[in-house]
Amino acid sequence: MMSGFNPGPRELYQGSEPHVLHVHAQEIGALKAEVSNLKGQLSDIDAKLSQLVDAANMGKGAWWMTVKLGGVLVTISAGAAWLWQSFSSAIIWR
């Protein structure tokens, strides 16, 4: 026997009994079913993640709209305060 010999699938199964091949086929079938189940779970996770990203993006838009509206209200309030201060002092000192 050669050292470092790594047999391929044909060499491994060449002398195998039929029941051994049947056991391997069952194991492969079980693994395929498990992989299929995992694919379904991953697609569910992907769908939920997409919903979360969409909700976060909607929240981000609402946040920026609130900031912009607040900026407009602060500007209007500052202008009204300046007008009040300017005209009230002119009216009082008249």
Protein backbone atom coordinates (compact mmCIF):
# COMPACT_ATOMS: atom_id res chain seq x y z
CA MET A 1 0.00 0.00 0.00
CA MET A 2 1.28 3.44 -0.92
CA SER A 3 1.62 6.09 1.75
CA GLY A 4 -0.55 9.17 1.20
CA PHE A 5 -3.01 7.23 -0.94
CA ASN A 6 -6.39 8.97 -0.83
CA PRO A 7 -9.06 6.72 -2.36
CA GLY A 8 -11.82 8.30 -4.41
CA PRO A 9 -15.51 7.37 -4.25
CA ARG A 10 -15.18 4.43 -6.63
CA GLU A 11 -12.37 2.86 -4.62
CA LEU A 12 -14.32 3.32 -1.39
CA TYR A 13 -17.52 1.73 -2.67
CA GLN A 14 -16.00 -0.89 -4.93
CA GLY A 15 -15.93 -3.59 -2.27
CA SER A 16 -18.82 -2.29 -0.16
CA GLU A 17 -21.83 -4.35 0.65
CA PRO A 18 -25.20 -3.25 -0.78
CA HIS A 19 -26.64 -2.53 2.68
CA VAL A 20 -23.75 -0.11 3.38
CA LEU A 21 -24.57 1.81 0.21
CA HIS A 22 -28.22 1.88 1.27
CA VAL A 23 -27.26 3.36 4.66
CA HIS A 24 -25.20 6.05 2.94
CA ALA A 25 -28.11 6.83 0.60
CA GLN A 26 -30.40 7.25 3.63
CA GLU A 27 -27.89 9.57 5.29
CA ILE A 28 -27.57 11.61 2.10
CA GLY A 29 -31.37 11.82 1.85
CA ALA A 30 -31.61 13.01 5.45
CA LEU A 31 -28.94 15.63 4.81
CA LYS A 32 -30.73 16.85 1.68
CA ALA A 33 -33.96 17.23 3.67
CA GLU A 34 -32.12 19.14 6.38
CA VAL A 35 -30.49 21.47 3.84
CA SER A 36 -33.88 22.07 2.23
CA ASN A 37 -35.33 22.93 5.64
CA LEU A 38 -32.46 25.34 6.29
CA LYS A 39 -33.06 27.02 2.92
CA GLY A 40 -36.68 27.64 3.94
CA GLN A 41 -35.59 29.09 7.28
CA LEU A 42 -33.07 31.35 5.55
CA SER A 43 -35.71 32.66 3.16
CA ASP A 44 -37.98 33.42 6.14
CA ILE A 45 -35.13 35.28 7.86
CA ASP A 46 -34.42 37.19 4.64
CA ALA A 47 -38.08 38.25 4.36
CA LYS A 48 -38.15 39.43 7.98
CA LEU A 49 -34.89 41.34 7.50
CA SER A 50 -36.31 43.08 4.43
CA GLN A 51 -39.35 44.16 6.46
CA LEU A 52 -37.10 45.53 9.21
CA VAL A 53 -34.98 47.47 6.71
CA ASP A 54 -38.12 48.93 5.12
CA ALA A 55 -39.46 49.97 8.54
CA ALA A 56 -36.12 51.56 9.44
CA ASN A 57 -36.07 53.50 6.17
CA MET A 58 -39.62 54.78 6.79
CA GLY A 59 -38.58 55.87 10.28
CA LYS A 60 -35.53 57.62 8.89
CA GLY A 61 -37.70 59.62 6.48
CA ALA A 62 -40.10 60.57 9.27
CA TRP A 63 -37.16 61.66 11.42
CA TRP A 64 -35.76 63.96 8.74
CA MET A 65 -39.20 65.40 8.05
CA THR A 66 -39.59 66.19 11.75
CA VAL A 67 -36.15 67.85 11.83
CA LYS A 68 -37.00 69.98 8.79
CA LEU A 69 -40.39 70.96 10.21
CA GLY A 70 -38.72 71.88 13.51
CA GLY A 71 -36.20 74.04 11.66
CA VAL A 72 -38.99 75.90 9.87
CA LEU A 73 -40.89 76.45 13.13
CA VAL A 74 -37.74 77.74 14.89
CA THR A 75 -37.08 80.15 12.00
CA ILE A 76 -40.65 81.47 12.05
CA SER A 77 -40.57 81.81 15.86
CA ALA A 78 -37.24 83.66 15.78
CA GLY A 79 -38.57 86.03 13.10
CA ALA A 80 -41.75 86.69 15.09
CA ALA A 81 -39.71 87.34 18.26
CA TRP A 82 -37.45 89.77 16.38
CA LEU A 83 -40.46 91.61 14.94
CA TRP A 84 -42.14 91.75 18.34
CA GLN A 85 -38.98 93.06 19.98
CA SER A 86 -38.36 95.63 17.28
CA PHE A 87 -41.88 97.02 17.03
CA SER A 88 -42.82 96.78 20.69
CA SER A 89 -39.81 98.85 21.71
CA ALA A 90 -40.63 101.43 19.00
CA ILE A 91 -44.24 101.65 20.14
CA ILE A 92 -43.39 101.84 23.86
CA TRP A 93 -40.70 104.54 23.46
CA ARG A 94 -42.76 106.68 21.17
